Amino acid sequence: MAKIILAEDDGDMRRFLVKALQNAGYDVDIVMPEMDGIELARRASELDPDIKIMFITGFAAVALNPDTAAPKTAKVLSKPVHLRELVNEVQKMLAA
C-alpha cells in the first residue's frame, strides 16, 4: 500500500482529503511543516529525487512560476478538484 503524506493548512479540506484518500485504499500521514508546501517539496526532492509530489492549489501560477516553482517532477492540480480526478491522478502518479 502506498503512503501519502498530506500537508494542508485548511482543517476541513485536510479531513476531506484524508478520508477520500483512505477510502481509495491509501495510507495517509498528515504533516504541518514549519515551511510552505513548495519548500517542503524541494527538500523532499533533495532527499529522494524519485519522490512523487502533487500540489492541489488555487494558485497554480505560483506553483508553476520558475522563481517560486515546485520541483519540475511535481504534478499540479488547480482547485477546485473533483474527488474522482484526484484519485485518478494519484493512481496514475503512483503507477508511473
Foldseek 3Di string as FASTA:
>chain_A
DAEAEDADPDPVVVVVVCVLVVVVPYHYHYDHDPDDPQVVQVVVCVVPVLDEAEAEECCVVQCPPPVNHHPPRYHYHYPPDDSVRVSVVVVVRVVD
